[in-house]
Amino acid sequence: MEELYKRVTEIFSKRHHIAHDIKHITRTAALARYIAGQEGYDEDEAEVAGILHDMGRTVQDEDKGHGPAGVPLARQLLDEYTNYDEIAKTRILSAVECHSYLNAIGELTHIVQDADMLDGLGAIGMMRAYTSKANSVDYNSDDIVPSVGKQNATINDQIVYQMEWFGLMHTKTAKKIATSRHDFMVGFFKEFNNEALGLDYKRKTPQL
């Protein structure tokens, strides 16, 4: 697996993907391995699927369809750097292809989806939103913390969109991790709203 990591790192180093770089890959792979271990699934297989899940982003610039686009390269890497049989390779490639599909099926696919979405929650998720949407408006003064998220609108819209992934988790393990990460984001937005409106310094302080 070490050689697979090295090769994938080399591939990602040739294309700059803000928020979908090799750090995202390694975090997702680690989460996939942990979830698999807790859920009784093969840890190595889950980690490999996590390593390969975003290979499509190295062959195209578009977000849409990056799962299927990554299958040929993922297949090549599996053939060169692993000893999995065809049945296992089929499971891994299915997870790569379908990891961004809302109604995807399959235990391994669900593990990879959970790991991928978890990396969009919490402090890491917010950092990814702010860096990847750096050229976007930060927030709408009339709707500082939107109730429904939107992609490619304000940065806060993007963050709320990611927060909605909390409700899409499949495994009990991911749901537990997602709860604390989601709570952090809720707390951040509460403070953000207070500061944006000046409520933090306009509050009356008790007289001593």
N, C-alpha and C. Protein backbone atom coordinates (compact mmCIF):
# COMPACT_ATOMS: atom_id res chain seq x y z
N MET A 1 0.82 -1.21 0.00
CA MET A 1 0.00 0.00 0.00
C MET A 1 0.86 1.27 0.00
N GLU A 2 2.06 1.15 0.55
CA GLU A 2 2.96 2.30 0.58
C GLU A 2 3.29 2.78 -0.83
N GLU A 3 3.54 1.83 -1.72
CA GLU A 3 3.85 2.21 -3.10
C GLU A 3 2.65 2.85 -3.79
N LEU A 4 1.45 2.37 -3.47
CA LEU A 4 0.24 2.96 -4.02
C LEU A 4 0.10 4.40 -3.56
N TYR A 5 0.35 4.63 -2.28
CA TYR A 5 0.30 6.01 -1.76
C TYR A 5 1.29 6.91 -2.49
N LYS A 6 2.48 6.40 -2.69
CA LYS A 6 3.52 7.19 -3.37
C LYS A 6 3.09 7.56 -4.78
N ARG A 7 2.54 6.58 -5.49
CA ARG A 7 2.14 6.84 -6.88
C ARG A 7 0.97 7.82 -6.95
N VAL A 8 0.00 7.65 -6.07
CA VAL A 8 -1.15 8.56 -6.06
C VAL A 8 -0.69 9.98 -5.68
N THR A 9 0.24 10.08 -4.75
CA THR A 9 0.79 11.39 -4.38
C THR A 9 1.46 12.05 -5.57
N GLU A 10 2.20 11.28 -6.34
CA GLU A 10 2.85 11.81 -7.55
C GLU A 10 1.82 12.32 -8.54
N ILE A 11 0.75 11.57 -8.72
CA ILE A 11 -0.29 11.95 -9.68
C ILE A 11 -0.97 13.25 -9.25
N PHE A 12 -1.29 13.36 -7.97
CA PHE A 12 -1.96 14.56 -7.49
C PHE A 12 -1.03 15.77 -7.50
N SER A 13 0.27 15.55 -7.36
CA SER A 13 1.21 16.66 -7.34
C SER A 13 1.30 17.36 -8.70
N LYS A 14 0.86 16.70 -9.76
CA LYS A 14 0.93 17.27 -11.10
C LYS A 14 -0.26 18.17 -11.42
N ARG A 15 -1.30 18.11 -10.57
CA ARG A 15 -2.48 18.95 -10.76
C ARG A 15 -2.87 19.54 -9.42
N HIS A 16 -3.12 20.85 -9.40
CA HIS A 16 -3.44 21.53 -8.15
C HIS A 16 -4.94 21.53 -7.93
N HIS A 17 -5.36 20.84 -6.89
CA HIS A 17 -6.78 20.76 -6.57
C HIS A 17 -7.00 21.33 -5.17
N ILE A 18 -7.48 22.56 -5.09
CA ILE A 18 -7.78 23.14 -3.79
C ILE A 18 -8.92 22.36 -3.15
N ALA A 19 -8.71 21.94 -1.92
CA ALA A 19 -9.69 21.19 -1.13
C ALA A 19 -9.83 19.74 -1.57
N HIS A 20 -9.28 19.38 -2.72
CA HIS A 20 -9.29 17.98 -3.16
C HIS A 20 -7.86 17.58 -3.54
N ASP A 21 -6.97 17.83 -2.60
CA ASP A 21 -5.56 17.52 -2.82
C ASP A 21 -5.20 16.19 -2.15
N ILE A 22 -3.91 15.90 -2.09
CA ILE A 22 -3.49 14.62 -1.51
C ILE A 22 -3.80 14.57 -0.02
N LYS A 23 -3.87 15.72 0.64
CA LYS A 23 -4.22 15.71 2.07
C LYS A 23 -5.66 15.23 2.26
N HIS A 24 -6.55 15.68 1.36
CA HIS A 24 -7.93 15.18 1.41
C HIS A 24 -7.96 13.67 1.18
N ILE A 25 -7.14 13.22 0.25
CA ILE A 25 -7.10 11.79 -0.06
C ILE A 25 -6.65 10.98 1.15
N THR A 26 -5.58 11.40 1.80
CA THR A 26 -5.06 10.63 2.93
C THR A 26 -6.00 10.68 4.13
N ARG A 27 -6.65 11.84 4.33
CA ARG A 27 -7.62 11.91 5.44
C ARG A 27 -8.81 11.00 5.16
N THR A 28 -9.31 11.02 3.92
CA THR A 28 -10.44 10.18 3.56
C THR A 28 -10.09 8.70 3.68
N ALA A 29 -8.90 8.34 3.24
CA ALA A 29 -8.47 6.95 3.33
C ALA A 29 -8.37 6.51 4.78
N ALA A 30 -7.85 7.38 5.65
CA ALA A 30 -7.73 7.05 7.06
C ALA A 30 -9.12 6.90 7.71
N LEU A 31 -10.03 7.79 7.35
CA LEU A 31 -11.39 7.69 7.87
C LEU A 31 -12.07 6.41 7.38
N ALA A 32 -11.88 6.09 6.10
CA ALA A 32 -12.47 4.87 5.54
C ALA A 32 -11.95 3.64 6.28
N ARG A 33 -10.66 3.63 6.55
CA ARG A 33 -10.07 2.49 7.27
C ARG A 33 -10.66 2.38 8.68
N TYR A 34 -10.79 3.51 9.36
CA TYR A 34 -11.33 3.49 10.72
C TYR A 34 -12.78 3.03 10.73
N ILE A 35 -13.59 3.60 9.84
CA ILE A 35 -15.00 3.22 9.76
C ILE A 35 -15.13 1.73 9.48
N ALA A 36 -14.34 1.25 8.53
CA ALA A 36 -14.39 -0.17 8.17
C ALA A 36 -14.08 -1.05 9.38
N GLY A 37 -13.06 -0.67 10.13
CA GLY A 37 -12.69 -1.45 11.31
C GLY A 37 -13.80 -1.50 12.34
N GLN A 38 -14.47 -0.38 12.52
CA GLN A 38 -15.56 -0.31 13.50
C GLN A 38 -16.81 -1.05 13.02
N GLU A 39 -16.96 -1.12 11.71
CA GLU A 39 -18.17 -1.72 11.13
C GLU A 39 -17.97 -3.18 10.71
N GLY A 40 -16.78 -3.72 10.94
CA GLY A 40 -16.53 -5.11 10.62
C GLY A 40 -16.24 -5.38 9.15
N TYR A 41 -15.75 -4.36 8.43
CA TYR A 41 -15.41 -4.53 7.01
C TYR A 41 -13.88 -4.57 6.89
N ASP A 42 -13.40 -5.11 5.80
CA ASP A 42 -11.95 -5.21 5.57
C ASP A 42 -11.31 -3.83 5.53
N GLU A 43 -10.40 -3.57 6.47
CA GLU A 43 -9.81 -2.24 6.62
C GLU A 43 -8.92 -1.87 5.44
N ASP A 44 -8.10 -2.81 4.99
CA ASP A 44 -7.19 -2.53 3.88
C ASP A 44 -7.97 -2.18 2.61
N GLU A 45 -9.00 -2.94 2.34
CA GLU A 45 -9.80 -2.70 1.13
C GLU A 45 -10.45 -1.32 1.19
N ALA A 46 -10.96 -0.96 2.35
CA ALA A 46 -11.60 0.35 2.51
C ALA A 46 -10.58 1.47 2.34
N GLU A 47 -9.38 1.27 2.88
CA GLU A 47 -8.35 2.30 2.75
C GLU A 47 -7.94 2.48 1.29
N VAL A 48 -7.78 1.39 0.57
CA VAL A 48 -7.42 1.47 -0.84
C VAL A 48 -8.51 2.20 -1.63
N ALA A 49 -9.76 1.89 -1.35
CA ALA A 49 -10.86 2.59 -2.03
C ALA A 49 -10.84 4.07 -1.70
N GLY A 50 -10.48 4.40 -0.45
CA GLY A 50 -10.36 5.80 -0.08
C GLY A 50 -9.22 6.50 -0.81
N ILE A 51 -8.12 5.80 -0.97
CA ILE A 51 -6.98 6.37 -1.69
C ILE A 51 -7.35 6.70 -3.13
N LEU A 52 -8.14 5.83 -3.75
CA LEU A 52 -8.43 5.95 -5.18
C LEU A 52 -9.71 6.71 -5.50
N HIS A 53 -10.49 7.11 -4.50
CA HIS A 53 -11.85 7.58 -4.77
C HIS A 53 -11.91 8.84 -5.64
N ASP A 54 -10.91 9.69 -5.59
CA ASP A 54 -10.95 10.94 -6.35
C ASP A 54 -9.97 10.97 -7.53
N MET A 55 -9.60 9.82 -8.05
CA MET A 55 -8.65 9.82 -9.17
C MET A 55 -9.23 10.56 -10.37
N GLY A 56 -10.55 10.60 -10.50
CA GLY A 56 -11.16 11.30 -11.62
C GLY A 56 -10.84 12.78 -11.64
N ARG A 57 -10.54 13.34 -10.48
CA ARG A 57 -10.20 14.76 -10.41
C ARG A 57 -8.82 15.04 -11.01
N THR A 58 -8.05 14.00 -11.23
CA THR A 58 -6.73 14.20 -11.84
C THR A 58 -6.79 14.09 -13.36
N VAL A 59 -7.93 13.69 -13.89
CA VAL A 59 -8.05 13.54 -15.35
C VAL A 59 -9.07 14.49 -15.96
N GLN A 60 -9.78 15.24 -15.13
CA GLN A 60 -10.73 16.23 -15.65
C GLN A 60 -10.86 17.37 -14.65
N ASP A 61 -11.27 18.53 -15.12
CA ASP A 61 -11.43 19.70 -14.26
C ASP A 61 -12.83 19.78 -13.67
N GLU A 62 -13.80 19.17 -14.32
CA GLU A 62 -15.18 19.24 -13.86
C GLU A 62 -15.40 18.37 -12.64
N ASP A 63 -16.26 18.86 -11.74
CA ASP A 63 -16.63 18.07 -10.58
C ASP A 63 -17.60 16.95 -10.97
N LYS A 64 -18.55 17.29 -11.86
CA LYS A 64 -19.56 16.33 -12.26
C LYS A 64 -18.93 15.16 -13.02
N GLY A 65 -19.28 13.98 -12.60
CA GLY A 65 -18.80 12.78 -13.30
C GLY A 65 -17.39 12.38 -12.96
N HIS A 66 -16.81 12.95 -11.88
CA HIS A 66 -15.41 12.61 -11.59
C HIS A 66 -15.27 11.18 -11.07
N GLY A 67 -16.37 10.62 -10.52
CA GLY A 67 -16.29 9.23 -10.07
C GLY A 67 -16.05 8.27 -11.21
N PRO A 68 -16.96 8.22 -12.19
CA PRO A 68 -16.74 7.34 -13.34
C PRO A 68 -15.46 7.66 -14.10
N ALA A 69 -15.11 8.94 -14.17
CA ALA A 69 -13.90 9.34 -14.92
C ALA A 69 -12.64 8.76 -14.30
N GLY A 70 -12.69 8.46 -13.01
CA GLY A 70 -11.49 7.95 -12.34
C GLY A 70 -11.33 6.45 -12.40
N VAL A 71 -12.33 5.74 -12.90
CA VAL A 71 -12.29 4.28 -12.88
C VAL A 71 -11.13 3.70 -13.70
N PRO A 72 -10.88 4.15 -14.94
CA PRO A 72 -9.77 3.56 -15.70
C PRO A 72 -8.42 3.70 -15.00
N LEU A 73 -8.15 4.89 -14.46
CA LEU A 73 -6.87 5.09 -13.78
C LEU A 73 -6.83 4.29 -12.48
N ALA A 74 -7.94 4.26 -11.76
CA ALA A 74 -7.99 3.46 -10.53
C ALA A 74 -7.75 1.98 -10.84
N ARG A 75 -8.31 1.52 -11.94
CA ARG A 75 -8.12 0.13 -12.35
C ARG A 75 -6.64 -0.15 -12.64
N GLN A 76 -6.02 0.77 -13.32
CA GLN A 76 -4.59 0.62 -13.64
C GLN A 76 -3.76 0.54 -12.37
N LEU A 77 -4.06 1.41 -11.42
CA LEU A 77 -3.30 1.44 -10.16
C LEU A 77 -3.55 0.17 -9.34
N LEU A 78 -4.78 -0.32 -9.35
CA LEU A 78 -5.07 -1.57 -8.65
C LEU A 78 -4.27 -2.72 -9.26
N ASP A 79 -4.22 -2.77 -10.58
CA ASP A 79 -3.49 -3.84 -11.26
C ASP A 79 -2.00 -3.78 -10.98
N GLU A 80 -1.46 -2.56 -10.88
CA GLU A 80 -0.01 -2.40 -10.73
C GLU A 80 0.46 -2.50 -9.29
N TYR A 81 -0.38 -2.08 -8.34
CA TYR A 81 0.12 -1.92 -6.97
C TYR A 81 -0.61 -2.77 -5.92
N THR A 82 -1.56 -3.58 -6.34
CA THR A 82 -2.25 -4.47 -5.39
C THR A 82 -2.35 -5.88 -5.94
N ASN A 83 -2.68 -6.80 -5.06
CA ASN A 83 -2.84 -8.20 -5.44
C ASN A 83 -4.29 -8.66 -5.29
N TYR A 84 -5.22 -7.73 -5.31
CA TYR A 84 -6.62 -8.09 -5.15
C TYR A 84 -7.12 -8.92 -6.33
N ASP A 85 -8.06 -9.84 -6.02
CA ASP A 85 -8.68 -10.59 -7.10
C ASP A 85 -9.74 -9.72 -7.78
N GLU A 86 -10.33 -10.25 -8.83
CA GLU A 86 -11.28 -9.47 -9.62
C GLU A 86 -12.53 -9.08 -8.83
N ILE A 87 -12.93 -9.93 -7.91
CA ILE A 87 -14.13 -9.62 -7.12
C ILE A 87 -13.88 -8.40 -6.24
N ALA A 88 -12.73 -8.38 -5.58
CA ALA A 88 -12.39 -7.24 -4.72
C ALA A 88 -12.18 -5.97 -5.55
N LYS A 89 -11.53 -6.12 -6.69
CA LYS A 89 -11.31 -4.96 -7.56
C LYS A 89 -12.64 -4.37 -8.03
N THR A 90 -13.58 -5.25 -8.30
CA THR A 90 -14.90 -4.78 -8.73
C THR A 90 -15.57 -3.96 -7.63
N ARG A 91 -15.46 -4.43 -6.39
CA ARG A 91 -16.04 -3.67 -5.27
C ARG A 91 -15.38 -2.30 -5.13
N ILE A 92 -14.06 -2.28 -5.22
CA ILE A 92 -13.32 -1.02 -5.06
C ILE A 92 -13.66 -0.06 -6.19
N LEU A 93 -13.66 -0.56 -7.42
CA LEU A 93 -13.95 0.30 -8.57
C LEU A 93 -15.39 0.80 -8.55
N SER A 94 -16.29 -0.01 -8.02
CA SER A 94 -17.68 0.44 -7.89
C SER A 94 -17.76 1.58 -6.88
N ALA A 95 -16.99 1.49 -5.80
CA ALA A 95 -16.96 2.56 -4.80
C ALA A 95 -16.39 3.84 -5.40
N VAL A 96 -15.34 3.71 -6.20
CA VAL A 96 -14.75 4.86 -6.87
C VAL A 96 -15.76 5.51 -7.81
N GLU A 97 -16.42 4.69 -8.61
CA GLU A 97 -17.37 5.20 -9.60
C GLU A 97 -18.58 5.86 -8.96
N CYS A 98 -19.07 5.29 -7.88
CA CYS A 98 -20.38 5.72 -7.34
C CYS A 98 -20.30 6.55 -6.07
N HIS A 99 -19.09 6.90 -5.62
CA HIS A 99 -18.98 7.54 -4.30
C HIS A 99 -19.68 8.89 -4.21
N SER A 100 -19.93 9.54 -5.33
CA SER A 100 -20.60 10.85 -5.30
C SER A 100 -22.07 10.76 -5.71
N TYR A 101 -22.57 9.54 -5.88
CA TYR A 101 -23.98 9.35 -6.23
C TYR A 101 -24.83 9.30 -4.96
N LEU A 102 -25.91 10.03 -4.94
CA LEU A 102 -26.74 10.13 -3.75
C LEU A 102 -27.34 8.79 -3.35
N ASN A 103 -27.79 8.01 -4.31
CA ASN A 103 -28.49 6.77 -4.01
C ASN A 103 -27.65 5.54 -4.32
N ALA A 104 -26.35 5.65 -4.15
CA ALA A 104 -25.46 4.53 -4.42
C ALA A 104 -25.68 3.42 -3.40
N ILE A 105 -25.38 2.20 -3.81
CA ILE A 105 -25.54 1.06 -2.93
C ILE A 105 -24.20 0.35 -2.77
N GLY A 106 -24.11 -0.51 -1.76
CA GLY A 106 -22.90 -1.28 -1.53
C GLY A 106 -22.21 -0.84 -0.25
N GLU A 107 -21.82 -1.81 0.59
CA GLU A 107 -21.23 -1.49 1.89
C GLU A 107 -19.94 -0.68 1.74
N LEU A 108 -19.07 -1.09 0.82
CA LEU A 108 -17.82 -0.37 0.64
C LEU A 108 -18.08 1.03 0.11
N THR A 109 -18.98 1.16 -0.83
CA THR A 109 -19.33 2.48 -1.37
C THR A 109 -19.83 3.39 -0.25
N HIS A 110 -20.65 2.88 0.63
CA HIS A 110 -21.18 3.67 1.74
C HIS A 110 -20.06 4.09 2.69
N ILE A 111 -19.11 3.22 2.93
CA ILE A 111 -17.98 3.57 3.80
C ILE A 111 -17.17 4.70 3.19
N VAL A 112 -16.90 4.61 1.90
CA VAL A 112 -16.13 5.66 1.22
C VAL A 112 -16.93 6.96 1.18
N GLN A 113 -18.20 6.87 0.91
CA GLN A 113 -19.04 8.07 0.92
C GLN A 113 -19.01 8.74 2.29
N ASP A 114 -19.15 7.95 3.34
CA ASP A 114 -19.13 8.50 4.69
C ASP A 114 -17.80 9.19 4.98
N ALA A 115 -16.71 8.53 4.63
CA ALA A 115 -15.39 9.10 4.88
C ALA A 115 -15.20 10.40 4.10
N ASP A 116 -15.64 10.40 2.86
CA ASP A 116 -15.51 11.58 2.00
C ASP A 116 -16.33 12.75 2.56
N MET A 117 -17.56 12.48 2.98
CA MET A 117 -18.41 13.54 3.51
C MET A 117 -17.92 14.02 4.87
N LEU A 118 -17.39 13.12 5.69
CA LEU A 118 -16.86 13.53 6.98
C LEU A 118 -15.74 14.56 6.83
N ASP A 119 -14.98 14.44 5.75
CA ASP A 119 -13.89 15.39 5.51
C ASP A 119 -14.42 16.75 5.07
N GLY A 120 -15.73 16.85 4.85
CA GLY A 120 -16.35 18.14 4.54
C GLY A 120 -17.06 18.72 5.74
N LEU A 121 -16.92 18.09 6.91
CA LEU A 121 -17.53 18.58 8.13
C LEU A 121 -16.46 19.01 9.13
N GLY A 122 -16.88 19.70 10.18
CA GLY A 122 -15.95 20.12 11.22
C GLY A 122 -15.01 21.23 10.78
N ALA A 123 -13.92 21.39 11.52
CA ALA A 123 -12.95 22.45 11.22
C ALA A 123 -12.30 22.25 9.86
N ILE A 124 -11.98 21.00 9.54
CA ILE A 124 -11.39 20.70 8.23
C ILE A 124 -12.34 21.08 7.11
N GLY A 125 -13.61 20.71 7.26
CA GLY A 125 -14.60 21.02 6.23
C GLY A 125 -14.73 22.51 6.02
N MET A 126 -14.71 23.28 7.10
CA MET A 126 -14.83 24.73 6.97
C MET A 126 -13.59 25.32 6.31
N MET A 127 -12.42 24.81 6.67
CA MET A 127 -11.19 25.25 6.03
C MET A 127 -11.23 24.99 4.54
N ARG A 128 -11.73 23.81 4.16
CA ARG A 128 -11.81 23.48 2.74
C ARG A 128 -12.77 24.41 2.01
N ALA A 129 -13.88 24.75 2.66
CA ALA A 129 -14.85 25.66 2.04
C ALA A 129 -14.24 27.05 1.84
N TYR A 130 -13.57 27.55 2.84
CA TYR A 130 -13.00 28.90 2.75
C TYR A 130 -11.85 28.97 1.73
N THR A 131 -11.06 27.92 1.63
CA THR A 131 -9.95 27.95 0.68
C THR A 131 -10.43 27.73 -0.75
N SER A 132 -11.35 26.79 -0.93
CA SER A 132 -11.81 26.48 -2.29
C SER A 132 -12.72 27.55 -2.86
N LYS A 133 -13.39 28.30 -1.99
CA LYS A 133 -14.32 29.35 -2.44
C LYS A 133 -13.77 30.73 -2.12
N ALA A 134 -12.46 30.86 -2.10
CA ALA A 134 -11.83 32.11 -1.69
C ALA A 134 -12.23 33.29 -2.57
N ASN A 135 -12.59 33.04 -3.80
CA ASN A 135 -12.98 34.12 -4.71
C ASN A 135 -14.48 34.42 -4.66
N SER A 136 -15.20 33.73 -3.79
CA SER A 136 -16.63 33.97 -3.66
C SER A 136 -16.91 35.01 -2.59
N VAL A 137 -18.12 35.57 -2.60
CA VAL A 137 -18.57 36.45 -1.53
C VAL A 137 -18.60 35.66 -0.24
N ASP A 138 -18.16 36.27 0.86
CA ASP A 138 -18.12 35.51 2.11
C ASP A 138 -19.50 35.19 2.66
N TYR A 139 -20.38 36.20 2.74
CA TYR A 139 -21.75 35.93 3.19
C TYR A 139 -22.66 37.05 2.74
N ASN A 140 -23.95 36.76 2.75
CA ASN A 140 -24.97 37.73 2.39
C ASN A 140 -25.45 38.42 3.67
N SER A 141 -25.33 39.74 3.74
CA SER A 141 -25.69 40.47 4.95
C SER A 141 -27.15 40.30 5.32
N ASP A 142 -28.00 40.01 4.35
CA ASP A 142 -29.42 39.81 4.62
C ASP A 142 -29.75 38.37 4.98
N ASP A 143 -28.79 37.49 4.84
CA ASP A 143 -29.00 36.07 5.13
C ASP A 143 -27.67 35.48 5.56
N ILE A 144 -27.20 35.91 6.73
CA ILE A 144 -25.84 35.59 7.18
C ILE A 144 -25.62 34.09 7.27
N VAL A 145 -26.55 33.41 7.91
CA VAL A 145 -26.46 31.96 8.03
C VAL A 145 -27.69 31.36 7.36
N PRO A 146 -27.59 31.00 6.10
CA PRO A 146 -28.76 30.49 5.36
C PRO A 146 -29.28 29.18 5.96
N SER A 147 -30.57 28.97 5.84
CA SER A 147 -31.16 27.75 6.36
C SER A 147 -30.96 26.58 5.41
N VAL A 148 -30.77 26.87 4.14
CA VAL A 148 -30.53 25.83 3.13
C VAL A 148 -29.25 26.16 2.39
N GLY A 149 -28.38 25.18 2.23
CA GLY A 149 -27.10 25.42 1.58
C GLY A 149 -27.21 25.47 0.06
N LYS A 150 -26.22 26.12 -0.53
CA LYS A 150 -26.13 26.19 -1.98
C LYS A 150 -24.66 26.06 -2.38
N GLN A 151 -24.41 25.38 -3.48
CA GLN A 151 -23.06 25.32 -4.02
C GLN A 151 -22.80 26.56 -4.87
N ASN A 152 -21.56 27.02 -4.84
CA ASN A 152 -21.11 28.10 -5.71
C ASN A 152 -21.89 29.39 -5.52
N ALA A 153 -22.36 29.64 -4.29
CA ALA A 153 -22.97 30.93 -3.96
C ALA A 153 -22.00 31.63 -3.01
N THR A 154 -22.43 32.02 -1.82
CA THR A 154 -21.48 32.59 -0.86
C THR A 154 -20.73 31.46 -0.16
N ILE A 155 -19.67 31.83 0.52
CA ILE A 155 -18.93 30.81 1.27
C ILE A 155 -19.80 30.20 2.35
N ASN A 156 -20.59 31.04 3.03
CA ASN A 156 -21.47 30.50 4.05
C ASN A 156 -22.53 29.57 3.47
N ASP A 157 -23.01 29.87 2.27
CA ASP A 157 -23.93 28.94 1.60
C ASP A 157 -23.25 27.59 1.38
N GLN A 158 -22.00 27.62 0.97
CA GLN A 158 -21.25 26.40 0.73
C GLN A 158 -21.09 25.60 2.02
N ILE A 159 -20.78 26.28 3.11
CA ILE A 159 -20.59 25.59 4.38
C ILE A 159 -21.89 24.95 4.85
N VAL A 160 -23.00 25.67 4.73
CA VAL A 160 -24.29 25.10 5.12
C VAL A 160 -24.63 23.90 4.24
N TYR A 161 -24.28 23.98 2.95
CA TYR A 161 -24.47 22.85 2.04
C TYR A 161 -23.70 21.63 2.56
N GLN A 162 -22.47 21.84 2.98
CA GLN A 162 -21.68 20.73 3.51
C GLN A 162 -22.25 20.21 4.83
N MET A 163 -22.79 21.10 5.64
CA MET A 163 -23.37 20.68 6.92
C MET A 163 -24.53 19.71 6.69
N GLU A 164 -25.20 19.83 5.56
CA GLU A 164 -26.33 18.95 5.27
C GLU A 164 -25.90 17.51 5.03
N TRP A 165 -24.60 17.29 4.81
CA TRP A 165 -24.10 15.93 4.65
C TRP A 165 -24.25 15.13 5.94
N PHE A 166 -24.39 15.83 7.05
CA PHE A 166 -24.59 15.17 8.34
C PHE A 166 -25.75 14.18 8.28
N GLY A 167 -26.79 14.53 7.57
CA GLY A 167 -27.96 13.68 7.47
C GLY A 167 -27.87 12.59 6.43
N LEU A 168 -26.73 12.52 5.73
CA LEU A 168 -26.58 11.53 4.66
C LEU A 168 -25.67 10.37 5.04
N MET A 169 -25.17 10.35 6.28
CA MET A 169 -24.25 9.29 6.69
C MET A 169 -24.96 7.94 6.72
N HIS A 170 -24.22 6.90 6.36
CA HIS A 170 -24.77 5.55 6.30
C HIS A 170 -24.46 4.73 7.55
N THR A 171 -23.23 4.79 8.01
CA THR A 171 -22.79 3.90 9.09
C THR A 171 -22.95 4.55 10.46
N LYS A 172 -23.12 3.71 11.48
CA LYS A 172 -23.21 4.22 12.85
C LYS A 172 -21.93 4.94 13.25
N THR A 173 -20.81 4.41 12.82
CA THR A 173 -19.52 5.01 13.16
C THR A 173 -19.40 6.42 12.60
N ALA A 174 -19.76 6.58 11.33
CA ALA A 174 -19.68 7.90 10.70
C ALA A 174 -20.66 8.87 11.34
N LYS A 175 -21.85 8.40 11.68
CA LYS A 175 -22.84 9.27 12.30
C LYS A 175 -22.33 9.81 13.62
N LYS A 176 -21.61 8.99 14.37
CA LYS A 176 -21.06 9.43 15.65
C LYS A 176 -20.00 10.50 15.46
N ILE A 177 -19.10 10.28 14.50
CA ILE A 177 -18.06 11.27 14.21
C ILE A 177 -18.70 12.54 13.68
N ALA A 178 -19.68 12.38 12.79
CA ALA A 178 -20.32 13.53 12.16
C ALA A 178 -21.04 14.41 13.18
N THR A 179 -21.57 13.81 14.24
CA THR A 179 -22.31 14.58 15.24
C THR A 179 -21.44 15.64 15.87
N SER A 180 -20.24 15.27 16.31
CA SER A 180 -19.36 16.25 16.95
C SER A 180 -18.86 17.29 15.96
N ARG A 181 -18.59 16.87 14.72
CA ARG A 181 -18.12 17.82 13.72
C ARG A 181 -19.24 18.80 13.33
N HIS A 182 -20.45 18.29 13.21
CA HIS A 182 -21.59 19.15 12.87
C HIS A 182 -21.86 20.12 14.01
N ASP A 183 -21.78 19.65 15.25
CA ASP A 183 -22.01 20.53 16.41
C ASP A 183 -21.00 21.67 16.43
N PHE A 184 -19.76 21.37 16.07
CA PHE A 184 -18.74 22.41 16.00
C PHE A 184 -19.13 23.49 15.00
N MET A 185 -19.62 23.07 13.84
CA MET A 185 -20.01 24.03 12.80
C MET A 185 -21.21 24.86 13.23
N VAL A 186 -22.15 24.24 13.92
CA VAL A 186 -23.31 24.97 14.43
C VAL A 186 -22.85 26.04 15.41
N GLY A 187 -21.93 25.67 16.30
CA GLY A 187 -21.40 26.63 17.26
C GLY A 187 -20.65 27.76 16.59
N PHE A 188 -19.88 27.42 15.55
CA PHE A 188 -19.14 28.44 14.81
C PHE A 188 -20.10 29.44 14.19
N PHE A 189 -21.14 28.96 13.56
CA PHE A 189 -22.10 29.85 12.90
C PHE A 189 -22.86 30.71 13.90
N LYS A 190 -23.13 30.18 15.08
CA LYS A 190 -23.79 30.98 16.11
C LYS A 190 -22.91 32.16 16.49
N GLU A 191 -21.62 31.88 16.68
CA GLU A 191 -20.68 32.96 17.02
C GLU A 191 -20.48 33.90 15.83
N PHE A 192 -20.40 33.34 14.63
CA PHE A 192 -20.24 34.15 13.43
C PHE A 192 -21.39 35.14 13.31
N ASN A 193 -22.61 34.65 13.48
CA ASN A 193 -23.79 35.50 13.38
C ASN A 193 -23.76 36.61 14.44
N ASN A 194 -23.40 36.25 15.67
CA ASN A 194 -23.33 37.24 16.74
C ASN A 194 -22.30 38.32 16.45
N GLU A 195 -21.15 37.93 15.95
CA GLU A 195 -20.11 38.91 15.65
C GLU A 195 -20.49 39.78 14.46
N ALA A 196 -21.08 39.17 13.43
CA ALA A 196 -21.47 39.94 12.24
C ALA A 196 -22.52 40.99 12.59
N LEU A 197 -23.38 40.68 13.53
CA LEU A 197 -24.44 41.61 13.94
C LEU A 197 -24.02 42.48 15.12
N GLY A 198 -22.83 42.24 15.63
CA GLY A 198 -22.35 43.00 16.77
C GLY A 198 -22.98 42.61 18.09
N LEU A 199 -23.61 41.45 18.12
CA LEU A 199 -24.30 41.05 19.33
C LEU A 199 -23.33 40.66 20.45
N ASP A 200 -22.12 40.29 20.09
CA ASP A 200 -21.17 39.88 21.11
C ASP A 200 -20.71 41.04 21.97
N TYR A 201 -20.60 42.24 21.36
CA TYR A 201 -20.15 43.38 22.16
C TYR A 201 -21.29 44.32 22.55
N LYS A 202 -22.47 44.08 21.99
CA LYS A 202 -23.63 44.90 22.36
C LYS A 202 -24.40 44.32 23.54
N ARG A 203 -24.06 43.09 23.92
CA ARG A 203 -24.74 42.49 25.06
C ARG A 203 -24.47 43.31 26.32
N LYS A 204 -25.47 43.42 27.15
CA LYS A 204 -25.29 44.13 28.42
C LYS A 204 -24.51 43.24 29.37
N THR A 205 -23.53 43.82 30.00
CA THR A 205 -22.74 43.07 30.96
C THR A 205 -23.25 43.38 32.36
N PRO A 206 -23.24 42.40 33.24
CA PRO A 206 -23.75 42.63 34.61
C PRO A 206 -22.91 43.66 35.36
N GLN A 207 -23.56 44.48 36.12
CA GLN A 207 -22.87 45.50 36.93
C GLN A 207 -22.25 44.83 38.17
N LEU A 208 -21.02 45.20 38.44
CA LEU A 208 -20.35 44.64 39.62
C LEU A 208 -20.67 45.49 40.85
